[in-house]
PDB file of N, CA and C in Angstrom:
ATOM      1  N   UNK A   1     214.223 203.664   8.602  1.00  0.00           N
ATOM      2  CA  UNK A   1     212.536 204.038   8.767  1.00  0.00           C
ATOM      3  C   UNK A   1     211.952 204.683   7.347  1.00  0.00           C
ATOM      4  N   UNK A   2     212.649 205.313   6.661  1.00  0.00           N
ATOM      5  CA  UNK A   2     212.167 205.608   5.611  1.00  0.00           C
ATOM      6  C   UNK A   2     211.970 204.402   4.403  1.00  0.00           C
ATOM      7  N   UNK A   3     212.668 203.801   4.626  1.00  0.00           N
ATOM      8  CA  UNK A   3     213.461 202.744   4.001  1.00  0.00           C
ATOM      9  C   UNK A   3     212.361 201.627   3.650  1.00  0.00           C
ATOM     10  N   UNK A   4     211.760 201.587   5.072  1.00  0.00           N
ATOM     11  CA  UNK A   4     210.584 200.890   5.009  1.00  0.00           C
ATOM     12  C   UNK A   4     209.686 201.241   5.095  1.00  0.00           C
ATOM     13  N   UNK A   5     208.801 202.642   4.945  1.00  0.00           N
ATOM     14  CA  UNK A   5     208.016 203.139   4.073  1.00  0.00           C
ATOM     15  C   UNK A   5     207.823 203.215   3.053  1.00  0.00           C
ATOM     16  N   UNK A   6     209.015 203.374   2.615  1.00  0.00           N
ATOM     17  CA  UNK A   6     209.217 202.994   0.790  1.00  0.00           C
ATOM     18  C   UNK A   6     208.558 201.427   0.650  1.00  0.00           C
ATOM     19  N   UNK A   7     209.103 200.484   1.301  1.00  0.00           N
ATOM     20  CA  UNK A   7     208.581 198.722   0.853  1.00  0.00           C
ATOM     21  C   UNK A   7     207.317 198.845   1.221  1.00  0.00           C
ATOM     22  N   UNK A   8     206.973 199.681   2.520  1.00  0.00           N
ATOM     23  CA  UNK A   8     205.371 198.823   2.865  1.00  0.00           C
ATOM     24  C   UNK A   8     204.368 200.149   1.735  1.00  0.00           C
ATOM     25  N   UNK A   9     204.578 200.651   1.045  1.00  0.00           N
ATOM     26  CA  UNK A   9     203.984 202.141   0.178  1.00  0.00           C
ATOM     27  C   UNK A   9     203.165 201.177  -0.540  1.00  0.00           C
ATOM     28  N   UNK A  10     203.386 200.155  -1.402  1.00  0.00           N
ATOM     29  CA  UNK A  10     202.265 199.598  -2.050  1.00  0.00           C
ATOM     30  C   UNK A  10     201.148 198.930  -1.380  1.00  0.00           C
ATOM     31  N   UNK A  11     201.689 198.158  -0.280  1.00  0.00           N
ATOM     32  CA  UNK A  11     200.506 197.973   0.502  1.00  0.00           C
ATOM     33  C   UNK A  11     199.881 198.498   1.106  1.00  0.00           C
ATOM     34  N   UNK A  12     200.096 199.899   1.998  1.00  0.00           N
ATOM     35  CA  UNK A  12     199.217 200.795   2.451  1.00  0.00           C
ATOM     36  C   UNK A  12     198.698 201.376   1.096  1.00  0.00           C
ATOM     37  N   UNK A  13     199.045 201.485   0.024  1.00  0.00           N
ATOM     38  CA  UNK A  13     197.716 201.805  -0.883  1.00  0.00           C
ATOM     39  C   UNK A  13     196.868 201.032  -0.983  1.00  0.00           C
ATOM     40  N   UNK A  14     196.977 199.859  -0.777  1.00  0.00           N
ATOM     41  CA  UNK A  14     195.935 198.536  -1.430  1.00  0.00           C
ATOM     42  C   UNK A  14     195.042 198.915  -0.154  1.00  0.00           C
ATOM     43  N   UNK A  15     195.778 199.580   1.197  1.00  0.00           N
ATOM     44  CA  UNK A  15     194.785 198.861   2.260  1.00  0.00           C
ATOM     45  C   UNK A  15     193.699 200.256   2.621  1.00  0.00           C
ATOM     46  N   UNK A  16     194.564 201.425   1.978  1.00  0.00           N
ATOM     47  CA  UNK A  16     193.879 202.695   1.752  1.00  0.00           C
ATOM     48  C   UNK A  16     192.707 202.455   1.227  1.00  0.00           C
ATOM     49  N   UNK A  17     192.772 201.774  -0.180  1.00  0.00           N
ATOM     50  CA  UNK A  17     192.033 201.602  -1.360  1.00  0.00           C
ATOM     51  C   UNK A  17     190.393 200.672  -0.662  1.00  0.00           C
ATOM     52  N   UNK A  18     190.958 199.725   0.336  1.00  0.00           N
ATOM     53  CA  UNK A  18     190.013 198.796   0.430  1.00  0.00           C
ATOM     54  C   UNK A  18     189.429 199.512   1.918  1.00  0.00           C
ATOM     55  N   UNK A  19     189.787 200.512   2.002  1.00  0.00           N
ATOM     56  CA  UNK A  19     189.184 201.034   3.754  1.00  0.00           C
ATOM     57  C   UNK A  19     188.043 202.316   2.804  1.00  0.00           C
ATOM     58  N   UNK A  20     188.612 202.683   2.055  1.00  0.00           N
ATOM     59  CA  UNK A  20     187.894 203.855   0.846  1.00  0.00           C
ATOM     60  C   UNK A  20     186.624 202.582   0.413  1.00  0.00           C
ATOM     61  N   UNK A  21     186.913 201.881  -0.099  1.00  0.00           N
ATOM     62  CA  UNK A  21     185.643 201.216  -0.820  1.00  0.00           C
ATOM     63  C   UNK A  21     184.821 200.611   0.740  1.00  0.00           C
ATOM     64  N   UNK A  22     185.444 199.898   1.684  1.00  0.00           N
ATOM     65  CA  UNK A  22     184.369 199.782   2.858  1.00  0.00           C
ATOM     66  C   UNK A  22     183.557 201.042   3.453  1.00  0.00           C
ATOM     67  N   UNK A  23     184.490 202.137   3.431  1.00  0.00           N
ATOM     68  CA  UNK A  23     183.817 203.571   3.829  1.00  0.00           C
ATOM     69  C   UNK A  23     182.594 203.655   2.822  1.00  0.00           C
ATOM     70  N   UNK A  24     182.571 203.676   1.971  1.00  0.00           N
ATOM     71  CA  UNK A  24     181.450 204.099   0.503  1.00  0.00           C
ATOM     72  C   UNK A  24     180.766 203.239   0.537  1.00  0.00           C
ATOM     73  N   UNK A  25     181.240 201.898   0.684  1.00  0.00           N
ATOM     74  CA  UNK A  25     179.800 200.850   1.266  1.00  0.00           C
ATOM     75  C   UNK A  25     179.296 201.486   2.259  1.00  0.00           C
ATOM     76  N   UNK A  26     179.542 201.604   3.456  1.00  0.00           N
ATOM     77  CA  UNK A  26     179.148 201.775   4.606  1.00  0.00           C
ATOM     78  C   UNK A  26     177.838 202.874   4.236  1.00  0.00           C
ATOM     79  N   UNK A  27     178.664 204.017   4.146  1.00  0.00           N
ATOM     80  CA  UNK A  27     178.113 205.329   3.848  1.00  0.00           C
ATOM     81  C   UNK A  27     176.566 205.144   2.519  1.00  0.00           C
ATOM     82  N   UNK A  28     176.677 204.072   1.773  1.00  0.00           N
ATOM     83  CA  UNK A  28     175.793 204.138   0.315  1.00  0.00           C
ATOM     84  C   UNK A  28     174.689 203.203   1.736  1.00  0.00           C
ATOM     85  N   UNK A  29     174.742 202.081   2.307  1.00  0.00           N
ATOM     86  CA  UNK A  29     173.640 201.604   3.032  1.00  0.00           C
ATOM     87  C   UNK A  29     173.627 202.387   3.932  1.00  0.00           C
ATOM     88  N   UNK A  30     173.758 203.283   4.738  1.00  0.00           N
ATOM     89  CA  UNK A  30     172.664 204.195   5.482  1.00  0.00           C
ATOM     90  C   UNK A  30     172.335 205.351   4.538  1.00  0.00           C
ATOM     91  N   UNK A  31     172.331 205.887   3.604  1.00  0.00           N
ATOM     92  CA  UNK A  31     171.789 206.552   2.266  1.00  0.00           C
ATOM     93  C   UNK A  31     171.121 205.918   2.041  1.00  0.00           C
ATOM     94  N   UNK A  32     170.873 204.475   1.611  1.00  0.00           N
ATOM     95  CA  UNK A  32     169.876 203.744   0.882  1.00  0.00           C
ATOM     96  C   UNK A  32     168.575 203.773   2.221  1.00  0.00           C
ATOM     97  N   UNK A  33     169.243 203.109   2.864  1.00  0.00           N
ATOM     98  CA  UNK A  33     168.082 202.697   3.860  1.00  0.00           C
ATOM     99  C   UNK A  33     167.356 204.308   4.312  1.00  0.00           C
ATOM    100  N   UNK A  34     167.929 205.280   4.500  1.00  0.00           N
ATOM    101  CA  UNK A  34     167.158 206.817   5.194  1.00  0.00           C
ATOM    102  C   UNK A  34     166.681 207.076   3.723  1.00  0.00           C
ATOM    103  N   UNK A  35     166.893 207.139   2.226  1.00  0.00           N
ATOM    104  CA  UNK A  35     166.394 207.565   1.117  1.00  0.00           C
ATOM    105  C   UNK A  35     165.025 206.596   0.895  1.00  0.00           C
ATOM    106  N   UNK A  36     164.926 205.328   1.157  1.00  0.00           N
ATOM    107  CA  UNK A  36     164.131 204.521   0.998  1.00  0.00           C
ATOM    108  C   UNK A  36     162.971 204.824   1.389  1.00  0.00           C
ATOM    109  N   UNK A  37     163.498 204.886   3.135  1.00  0.00           N
ATOM    110  CA  UNK A  37     162.274 205.579   3.784  1.00  0.00           C
ATOM    111  C   UNK A  37     161.583 207.124   3.183  1.00  0.00           C
ATOM    112  N   UNK A  38     162.581 207.732   3.060  1.00  0.00           N
ATOM    113  CA  UNK A  38     161.703 209.152   2.528  1.00  0.00           C
ATOM    114  C   UNK A  38     161.185 209.049   1.309  1.00  0.00           C
ATOM    115  N   UNK A  39     161.871 208.306   0.212  1.00  0.00           N
ATOM    116  CA  UNK A  39     161.265 208.325  -0.962  1.00  0.00           C
ATOM    117  C   UNK A  39     160.597 207.518  -1.881  1.00  0.00           C
ATOM    118  N   UNK A  40     160.605 206.158  -0.894  1.00  0.00           N
ATOM    119  CA  UNK A  40     159.945 204.892  -1.160  1.00  0.00           C
ATOM    120  C   UNK A  40     158.609 204.863  -2.024  1.00  0.00           C
ATOM    121  N   UNK A  41     157.660 205.744  -1.321  1.00  0.00           N
ATOM    122  CA  UNK A  41     156.323 206.057  -2.148  1.00  0.00           C
ATOM    123  C   UNK A  41     156.475 206.204  -3.542  1.00  0.00           C
ATOM    124  N   UNK A  42     157.397 207.267  -3.458  1.00  0.00           N
ATOM    125  CA  UNK A  42     157.592 207.779  -5.009  1.00  0.00           C
ATOM    126  C   UNK A  42     157.599 206.980  -5.944  1.00  0.00           C
ATOM    127  N   UNK A  43     158.759 205.781  -5.661  1.00  0.00           N
ATOM    128  CA  UNK A  43     159.449 205.095  -6.959  1.00  0.00           C
ATOM    129  C   UNK A  43     158.385 204.084  -7.473  1.00  0.00           C
ATOM    130  N   UNK A  44     158.404 203.640  -8.770  1.00  0.00           N
ATOM    131  CA  UNK A  44     157.906 202.498  -9.074  1.00  0.00           C
ATOM    132  C   UNK A  44     158.002 201.099  -8.343  1.00  0.00           C
ATOM    133  N   UNK A  45     157.403 200.488  -8.511  1.00  0.00           N
ATOM    134  CA  UNK A  45     157.703 199.296  -7.734  1.00  0.00           C
ATOM    135  C   UNK A  45     158.690 198.186  -7.948  1.00  0.00           C
ATOM    136  N   UNK A  46     158.688 198.504  -9.538  1.00  0.00           N
ATOM    137  CA  UNK A  46     159.952 197.821  -9.984  1.00  0.00           C
ATOM    138  C   UNK A  46     161.269 198.248  -9.861  1.00  0.00           C
ATOM    139  N   UNK A  47     161.358 199.948  -9.919  1.00  0.00           N
ATOM    140  CA  UNK A  47     162.316 200.251  -9.371  1.00  0.00           C
ATOM    141  C   UNK A  47     163.033 199.706  -7.900  1.00  0.00           C
ATOM    142  N   UNK A  48     161.933 200.372  -6.959  1.00  0.00           N
ATOM    143  CA  UNK A  48     162.092 199.988  -5.728  1.00  0.00           C
ATOM    144  C   UNK A  48     162.978 198.740  -5.106  1.00  0.00           C
ATOM    145  N   UNK A  49     162.121 197.739  -6.221  1.00  0.00           N
ATOM    146  CA  UNK A  49     162.440 196.055  -6.000  1.00  0.00           C
ATOM    147  C   UNK A  49     164.045 196.179  -6.419  1.00  0.00           C
ATOM    148  N   UNK A  50     164.371 196.834  -7.292  1.00  0.00           N
ATOM    149  CA  UNK A  50     165.676 196.156  -7.980  1.00  0.00           C
ATOM    150  C   UNK A  50     166.923 197.503  -6.742  1.00  0.00           C
ATOM    151  N   UNK A  51     166.546 198.729  -6.449  1.00  0.00           N
ATOM    152  CA  UNK A  51     167.211 199.269  -4.990  1.00  0.00           C
ATOM    153  C   UNK A  51     167.342 198.573  -4.148  1.00  0.00           C
ATOM    154  N   UNK A  52     166.332 197.987  -3.655  1.00  0.00           N
ATOM    155  CA  UNK A  52     166.280 197.124  -1.932  1.00  0.00           C
ATOM    156  C   UNK A  52     166.796 195.646  -2.359  1.00  0.00           C
ATOM    157  N   UNK A  53     166.708 195.319  -3.637  1.00  0.00           N
ATOM    158  CA  UNK A  53     167.727 193.696  -4.011  1.00  0.00           C
ATOM    159  C   UNK A  53     168.787 194.170  -3.719  1.00  0.00           C
ATOM    160  N   UNK A  54     169.537 195.156  -4.736  1.00  0.00           N
ATOM    161  CA  UNK A  54     171.314 195.694  -4.367  1.00  0.00           C
ATOM    162  C   UNK A  54     170.879 196.128  -3.168  1.00  0.00           C
ATOM    163  N   UNK A  55     170.672 196.490  -2.184  1.00  0.00           N
ATOM    164  CA  UNK A  55     170.820 196.870  -0.976  1.00  0.00           C
ATOM    165  C   UNK A  55     171.363 196.003  -0.453  1.00  0.00           C
ATOM    166  N   UNK A  56     170.654 195.265  -0.448  1.00  0.00           N
ATOM    167  CA  UNK A  56     170.144 193.600   0.323  1.00  0.00           C
ATOM    168  C   UNK A  56     171.780 193.024   0.250  1.00  0.00           C
ATOM    169  N   UNK A  57     172.305 193.201  -1.408  1.00  0.00           N
ATOM    170  CA  UNK A  57     172.777 192.543  -1.722  1.00  0.00           C
ATOM    171  C   UNK A  57     174.700 192.811  -1.011  1.00  0.00           C
ATOM    172  N   UNK A  58     174.705 194.241  -0.919  1.00  0.00           N
ATOM    173  CA  UNK A  58     176.132 195.117  -0.865  1.00  0.00           C
ATOM    174  C   UNK A  58     175.553 194.819   0.706  1.00  0.00           C
ATOM    175  N   UNK A  59     174.573 194.541   1.581  1.00  0.00           N
ATOM    176  CA  UNK A  59     175.190 194.332   3.097  1.00  0.00           C
ATOM    177  C   UNK A  59     175.629 193.207   3.295  1.00  0.00           C
ATOM    178  N   UNK A  60     174.696 192.262   2.456  1.00  0.00           N
ATOM    179  CA  UNK A  60     175.632 190.594   2.416  1.00  0.00           C
ATOM    180  C   UNK A  60     176.942 190.543   2.324  1.00  0.00           C
ATOM    181  N   UNK A  61     177.102 191.457   1.073  1.00  0.00           N
ATOM    182  CA  UNK A  61     179.197 191.441   0.516  1.00  0.00           C
ATOM    183  C   UNK A  61     179.464 192.169   2.106  1.00  0.00           C
ATOM    184  N   UNK A  62     178.937 193.240   2.672  1.00  0.00           N
ATOM    185  CA  UNK A  62     180.013 194.154   3.126  1.00  0.00           C
ATOM    186  C   UNK A  62     180.056 193.125   4.436  1.00  0.00           C
ATOM    187  N   UNK A  63     179.082 192.094   4.693  1.00  0.00           N
ATOM    188  CA  UNK A  63     179.649 191.563   5.962  1.00  0.00           C
ATOM    189  C   UNK A  63     180.624 190.068   5.529  1.00  0.00           C
ATOM    190  N   UNK A  64     180.604 190.064   4.332  1.00  0.00           N
ATOM    191  CA  UNK A  64     181.759 189.260   4.240  1.00  0.00           C
ATOM    192  C   UNK A  64     183.123 189.613   4.459  1.00  0.00           C
ATOM    193  N   UNK A  65     182.971 191.085   4.268  1.00  0.00           N
ATOM    194  CA  UNK A  65     184.436 191.572   4.018  1.00  0.00           C
ATOM    195  C   UNK A  65     185.270 191.470   2.762  1.00  0.00           C
ATOM    196  N   UNK A  66     184.675 191.098   1.440  1.00  0.00           N
ATOM    197  CA  UNK A  66     185.559 190.741   0.020  1.00  0.00           C
ATOM    198  C   UNK A  66     185.375 192.086  -0.442  1.00  0.00           C
ATOM    199  N   UNK A  67     186.455 192.321  -0.557  1.00  0.00           N
ATOM    200  CA  UNK A  67     187.071 193.465  -1.227  1.00  0.00           C
ATOM    201  C   UNK A  67     186.007 194.251  -2.401  1.00  0.00           C
ATOM    202  N   UNK A  68     186.687 192.857  -3.183  1.00  0.00           N
ATOM    203  CA  UNK A  68     185.967 192.871  -4.569  1.00  0.00           C
ATOM    204  C   UNK A  68     184.546 192.975  -4.873  1.00  0.00           C
ATOM    205  N   UNK A  69     183.965 191.798  -3.902  1.00  0.00           N
ATOM    206  CA  UNK A  69     182.454 192.044  -4.024  1.00  0.00           C
ATOM    207  C   UNK A  69     182.076 193.261  -3.779  1.00  0.00           C
ATOM    208  N   UNK A  70     182.582 193.758  -2.646  1.00  0.00           N
ATOM    209  CA  UNK A  70     181.669 195.038  -2.277  1.00  0.00           C
ATOM    210  C   UNK A  70     181.698 195.762  -3.063  1.00  0.00           C
ATOM    211  N   UNK A  71     182.723 196.018  -3.994  1.00  0.00           N
ATOM    212  CA  UNK A  71     182.939 197.233  -4.938  1.00  0.00           C
ATOM    213  C   UNK A  71     182.120 196.603  -6.130  1.00  0.00           C
ATOM    214  N   UNK A  72     182.032 195.711  -6.527  1.00  0.00           N
ATOM    215  CA  UNK A  72     180.874 195.445  -7.707  1.00  0.00           C
ATOM    216  C   UNK A  72     179.417 195.501  -6.894  1.00  0.00           C
ATOM    217  N   UNK A  73     179.246 195.075  -5.846  1.00  0.00           N
ATOM    218  CA  UNK A  73     177.895 195.241  -5.455  1.00  0.00           C
ATOM    219  C   UNK A  73     177.681 197.020  -4.816  1.00  0.00           C
ATOM    220  N   UNK A  74     178.302 197.558  -4.798  1.00  0.00           N
ATOM    221  CA  UNK A  74     178.245 199.392  -4.325  1.00  0.00           C
ATOM    222  C   UNK A  74     178.070 199.995  -5.982  1.00  0.00           C
ATOM    223  N   UNK A  75     178.713 199.634  -6.982  1.00  0.00           N
ATOM    224  CA  UNK A  75     178.343 199.817  -8.290  1.00  0.00           C
ATOM    225  C   UNK A  75     177.165 199.767  -9.155  1.00  0.00           C
ATOM    226  N   UNK A  76     176.693 198.561  -8.118  1.00  0.00           N
ATOM    227  CA  UNK A  76     175.254 197.696  -8.698  1.00  0.00           C
ATOM    228  C   UNK A  76     174.234 198.553  -8.192  1.00  0.00           C
ATOM    229  N   UNK A  77     174.346 198.815  -6.513  1.00  0.00           N
ATOM    230  CA  UNK A  77     173.292 199.336  -5.874  1.00  0.00           C
ATOM    231  C   UNK A  77     173.654 200.997  -6.555  1.00  0.00           C
ATOM    232  N   UNK A  78     174.979 201.610  -6.983  1.00  0.00           N
ATOM    233  CA  UNK A  78     174.682 202.925  -7.529  1.00  0.00           C
ATOM    234  C   UNK A  78     173.819 202.989  -8.746  1.00  0.00           C
ATOM    235  N   UNK A  79     174.098 202.064  -9.316  1.00  0.00           N
ATOM    236  CA  UNK A  79     173.455 202.001 -10.889  1.00  0.00           C
ATOM    237  C   UNK A  79     171.674 201.775 -10.890  1.00  0.00           C
ATOM    238  N   UNK A  80     171.718 201.039  -9.762  1.00  0.00           N
ATOM    239  CA  UNK A  80     170.144 201.060  -9.558  1.00  0.00           C
ATOM    240  C   UNK A  80     169.709 202.107  -9.138  1.00  0.00           C
ATOM    241  N   UNK A  81     170.350 202.807  -7.858  1.00  0.00           N
ATOM    242  CA  UNK A  81     169.457 204.231  -7.444  1.00  0.00           C
ATOM    243  C   UNK A  81     169.660 205.249  -8.534  1.00  0.00           C
ATOM    244  N   UNK A  82     170.584 205.495  -9.361  1.00  0.00           N
ATOM    245  CA  UNK A  82     170.379 206.335 -10.967  1.00  0.00           C
ATOM    246  C   UNK A  82     169.079 206.225 -11.534  1.00  0.00           C
ATOM    247  N   UNK A  83     169.486 204.561 -11.762  1.00  0.00           N
ATOM    248  CA  UNK A  83     167.729 204.497 -12.371  1.00  0.00           C
ATOM    249  C   UNK A  83     166.737 204.922 -11.940  1.00  0.00           C
ATOM    250  N   UNK A  84     166.805 205.037 -10.460  1.00  0.00           N
ATOM    251  CA  UNK A  84     165.355 205.320  -9.609  1.00  0.00           C
ATOM    252  C   UNK A  84     165.484 206.612  -9.807  1.00  0.00           C
ATOM    253  N   UNK A  85     166.406 207.291  -9.717  1.00  0.00           N
ATOM    254  CA  UNK A  85     166.183 209.156  -9.391  1.00  0.00           C
ATOM    255  C   UNK A  85     165.852 209.293 -10.658  1.00  0.00           C
ATOM    256  N   UNK A  86     166.439 208.785 -11.744  1.00  0.00           N
ATOM    257  CA  UNK A  86     165.816 209.299 -12.924  1.00  0.00           C
ATOM    258  C   UNK A  86     164.348 209.504 -13.607  1.00  0.00           C
ATOM    259  N   UNK A  87     163.647 208.198 -12.297  1.00  0.00           N
ATOM    260  CA  UNK A  87     162.335 208.432 -12.657  1.00  0.00           C
ATOM    261  C   UNK A  87     161.631 209.408 -11.955  1.00  0.00           C
ATOM    262  N   UNK A  88     162.494 209.122 -10.917  1.00  0.00           N
ATOM    263  CA  UNK A  88     161.516 210.438  -9.798  1.00  0.00           C
ATOM    264  C   UNK A  88     162.147 211.749 -10.842  1.00  0.00           C
ATOM    265  N   UNK A  89     163.074 212.483 -10.875  1.00  0.00           N
ATOM    266  CA  UNK A  89     162.915 213.177 -11.751  1.00  0.00           C
ATOM    267  C   UNK A  89     162.219 213.578 -12.552  1.00  0.00           C
ATOM    268  N   UNK A  90     162.209 212.727 -13.831  1.00  0.00           N
ATOM    269  CA  UNK A  90     161.338 212.963 -15.042  1.00  0.00           C
ATOM    270  C   UNK A  90     159.630 212.841 -14.172  1.00  0.00           C
ATOM    271  N   UNK A  91     159.452 212.365 -13.352  1.00  0.00           N
ATOM    272  CA  UNK A  91     158.256 212.780 -12.823  1.00  0.00           C
ATOM    273  C   UNK A  91     157.926 213.731 -12.315  1.00  0.00           C
ATOM    274  N   UNK A  92     159.007 214.403 -11.415  1.00  0.00           N
ATOM    275  CA  UNK A  92     158.792 215.505 -10.753  1.00  0.00           C
ATOM    276  C   UNK A  92     158.983 216.538 -12.171  1.00  0.00           C
ATOM    277  N   UNK A  93     159.279 216.561 -13.112  1.00  0.00           N
ATOM    278  CA  UNK A  93     159.315 217.273 -14.143  1.00  0.00           C
ATOM    279  C   UNK A  93     158.096 217.335 -14.978  1.00  0.00           C
ATOM    280  N   UNK A  94     157.300 216.062 -15.106  1.00  0.00           N
ATOM    281  CA  UNK A  94     155.950 216.162 -15.870  1.00  0.00           C
ATOM    282  C   UNK A  94     154.740 216.733 -14.459  1.00  0.00           C
ATOM    283  N   UNK A  95     154.920 216.639 -13.571  1.00  0.00           N
ATOM    284  CA  UNK A  95     154.021 217.420 -12.237  1.00  0.00           C
ATOM    285  C   UNK A  95     154.374 218.934 -12.570  1.00  0.00           C
ATOM    286  N   UNK A  96     155.813 219.696 -12.544  1.00  0.00           N
ATOM    287  CA  UNK A  96     155.860 220.721 -12.274  1.00  0.00           C
ATOM    288  C   UNK A  96     155.827 221.353 -13.683  1.00  0.00           C
ATOM    289  N   UNK A  97     155.547 220.761 -15.176  1.00  0.00           N
ATOM    290  CA  UNK A  97     155.003 220.855 -16.463  1.00  0.00           C
ATOM    291  C   UNK A  97     153.485 221.004 -16.168  1.00  0.00           C
ATOM    292  N   UNK A  98     152.990 220.245 -15.716  1.00  0.00           N
ATOM    293  CA  UNK A  98     151.504 220.248 -15.577  1.00  0.00           C
ATOM    294  C   UNK A  98     151.250 221.535 -14.865  1.00  0.00           C
ATOM    295  N   UNK A  99     151.792 221.899 -13.329  1.00  0.00           N
ATOM    296  CA  UNK A  99     150.826 222.941 -12.625  1.00  0.00           C
ATOM    297  C   UNK A  99     151.394 224.654 -13.689  1.00  0.00           C
ATOM    298  N   UNK A 100     152.701 224.436 -14.388  1.00  0.00           N
ATOM    299  CA  UNK A 100     152.550 225.575 -14.647  1.00  0.00           C
ATOM    300  C   UNK A 100     151.510 225.620 -16.363  1.00  0.00           C
ATOM    301  N   UNK A 101     151.430 224.166 -16.482  1.00  0.00           N
ATOM    302  CA  UNK A 101     150.463 224.546 -17.959  1.00  0.00           C
ATOM    303  C   UNK A 101     149.094 225.184 -17.283  1.00  0.00           C
ATOM    304  N   UNK A 102     148.610 224.916 -15.717  1.00  0.00           N
ATOM    305  CA  UNK A 102     147.201 225.199 -15.173  1.00  0.00           C
ATOM    306  C   UNK A 102     147.550 227.010 -15.214  1.00  0.00           C
ATOM    307  N   UNK A 103     149.096 226.920 -14.766  1.00  0.00           N
ATOM    308  CA  UNK A 103     148.661 228.257 -14.298  1.00  0.00           C
ATOM    309  C   UNK A 103     148.923 229.526 -15.681  1.00  0.00           C
ATOM    310  N   UNK A 104     149.333 228.927 -16.769  1.00  0.00           N
ATOM    311  CA  UNK A 104     149.283 229.840 -18.106  1.00  0.00           C
ATOM    312  C   UNK A 104     147.626 229.700 -18.801  1.00  0.00           C
ATOM    313  N   UNK A 105     146.749 228.466 -18.071  1.00  0.00           N
ATOM    314  CA  UNK A 105     145.388 228.753 -18.426  1.00  0.00           C
ATOM    315  C   UNK A 105     144.519 229.481 -17.948  1.00  0.00           C
ATOM    316  N   UNK A 106     145.190 230.351 -16.630  1.00  0.00           N
ATOM    317  CA  UNK A 106     144.716 231.539 -15.886  1.00  0.00           C
ATOM    318  C   UNK A 106     145.698 232.741 -15.678  1.00  0.00           C
ATOM    319  N   UNK A 107     145.307 233.180 -16.666  1.00  0.00           N
ATOM    320  CA  UNK A 107     146.232 234.628 -17.014  1.00  0.00           C
ATOM    321  C   UNK A 107     145.610 235.860 -16.049  1.00  0.00           C
ATOM    322  N   UNK A 108     145.021 235.770 -15.605  1.00  0.00           N
ATOM    323  CA  UNK A 108     144.403 237.113 -14.787  1.00  0.00           C
ATOM    324  C   UNK A 108     145.155 236.782 -13.139  1.00  0.00           C
ATOM    325  N   UNK A 109     144.613 237.959 -12.271  1.00  0.00           N
ATOM    326  CA  UNK A 109     145.266 237.687 -10.883  1.00  0.00           C
ATOM    327  C   UNK A 109     146.567 239.114 -11.203  1.00  0.00           C
ATOM    328  N   UNK A 110     147.421 238.778 -10.256  1.00  0.00           N
ATOM    329  CA  UNK A 110     148.257 240.048 -10.445  1.00  0.00           C
ATOM    330  C   UNK A 110     149.912 239.793 -11.189  1.00  0.00           C
ATOM    331  N   UNK A 111     149.575 239.467 -12.298  1.00  0.00           N
ATOM    332  CA  UNK A 111     150.679 239.162 -13.258  1.00  0.00           C
ATOM    333  C   UNK A 111     151.058 240.327 -13.832  1.00  0.00           C
ATOM    334  N   UNK A 112     150.738 241.782 -13.543  1.00  0.00           N
ATOM    335  CA  UNK A 112     152.063 242.935 -13.871  1.00  0.00           C
ATOM    336  C   UNK A 112     152.487 243.528 -12.197  1.00  0.00           C
ATOM    337  N   UNK A 113     151.409 243.945 -11.391  1.00  0.00           N
ATOM    338  CA  UNK A 113     151.421 244.708 -10.255  1.00  0.00           C
ATOM    339  C   UNK A 113     152.073 243.792  -9.116  1.00  0.00           C
ATOM    340  N   UNK A 114     152.434 244.802  -8.407  1.00  0.00           N
ATOM    341  CA  UNK A 114     153.000 244.397  -6.950  1.00  0.00           C
ATOM    342  C   UNK A 114     151.605 244.618  -6.259  1.00  0.00           C
ATOM    343  N   UNK A 115     151.444 243.905  -5.034  1.00  0.00           N
ATOM    344  CA  UNK A 115     150.476 244.425  -3.843  1.00  0.00           C
ATOM    345  C   UNK A 115     151.340 244.872  -2.905  1.00  0.00           C
ATOM    346  N   UNK A 116     151.173 246.092  -2.490  1.00  0.00           N
ATOM    347  CA  UNK A 116     151.678 246.818  -1.499  1.00  0.00           C
ATOM    348  C   UNK A 116     152.638 246.955  -1.139  1.00  0.00           C
ATOM    349  N   UNK A 117     153.624 247.316  -2.399  1.00  0.00           N
ATOM    350  CA  UNK A 117     155.210 247.721  -2.033  1.00  0.00           C
ATOM    351  C   UNK A 117     155.208 249.043  -1.523  1.00  0.00           C
ATOM    352  N   UNK A 118     155.990 248.859  -0.158  1.00  0.00           N
ATOM    353  CA  UNK A 118     156.704 250.311   0.021  1.00  0.00           C
ATOM    354  C   UNK A 118     157.947 250.606   0.312  1.00  0.00           C
ATOM    355  N   UNK A 119     158.583 251.870  -0.570  1.00  0.00           N
ATOM    356  CA  UNK A 119     159.976 251.925   0.216  1.00  0.00           C
ATOM    357  C   UNK A 119     160.019 252.558   1.695  1.00  0.00           C
ATOM    358  N   UNK A 120     160.941 251.644   2.063  1.00  0.00           N
ATOM    359  CA  UNK A 120     161.423 252.180   3.366  1.00  0.00           C
ATOM    360  C   UNK A 120     162.793 252.398   4.094  1.00  0.00           C
ATOM    361  N   UNK A 121     163.276 253.289   4.279  1.00  0.00           N
ATOM    362  CA  UNK A 121     164.717 253.809   4.676  1.00  0.00           C
ATOM    363  C   UNK A 121     164.721 252.791   6.166  1.00  0.00           C
ATOM    364  N   UNK A 122     166.102 251.903   6.093  1.00  0.00           N
ATOM    365  CA  UNK A 122     166.545 251.017   6.967  1.00  0.00           C
ATOM    366  C   UNK A 122     168.050 251.358   7.471  1.00  0.00           C
ATOM    367  N   UNK A 123     168.228 251.245   8.316  1.00  0.00           N
ATOM    368  CA  UNK A 123     169.536 251.310   8.690  1.00  0.00           C
ATOM    369  C   UNK A 123     170.074 249.786   9.323  1.00  0.00           C
ATOM    370  N   UNK A 124     171.632 249.701   8.656  1.00  0.00           N
ATOM    371  CA  UNK A 124     172.169 248.115   8.336  1.00  0.00           C
ATOM    372  C   UNK A 124     172.576 248.185  10.385  1.00  0.00           C
ATOM    373  N   UNK A 125     172.346 247.419  10.575  1.00  0.00           N
ATOM    374  CA  UNK A 125     172.969 247.074  12.032  1.00  0.00           C
ATOM    375  C   UNK A 125     174.064 246.197  11.888  1.00  0.00           C
ATOM    376  N   UNK A 126     175.584 246.195  12.733  1.00  0.00           N
ATOM    377  CA  UNK A 126     176.029 245.725  12.510  1.00  0.00           C
ATOM    378  C   UNK A 126     177.045 245.026  14.257  1.00  0.00           C
TER     379      UNK A 126
END
């Protein structure tokens, strides 16, 4: 039995790699659909189109069950999402910077004090 297992170890490793590739692709297809619904309006038209095209290509490759094609399309979709997420991150940083700039222009208010802070005794309940 050990001898048989050793003889088939290479085939088992290859099959395991194929299954992992298909699992990653399946998860990425689901994640992409979910994230496009959630963040689609925050993406520029060209980045969204690139992600949607890569998503469609990966779904088609997944249906064919061609391991090499699925692996290549998974990498392409990962790259498209990377570019799109960089754009969303940069836009978020610009918006955050604009909000920080607006706050700096209004230095009044509660800059140094605390409102109605009271010391209180408490008992930790376990």
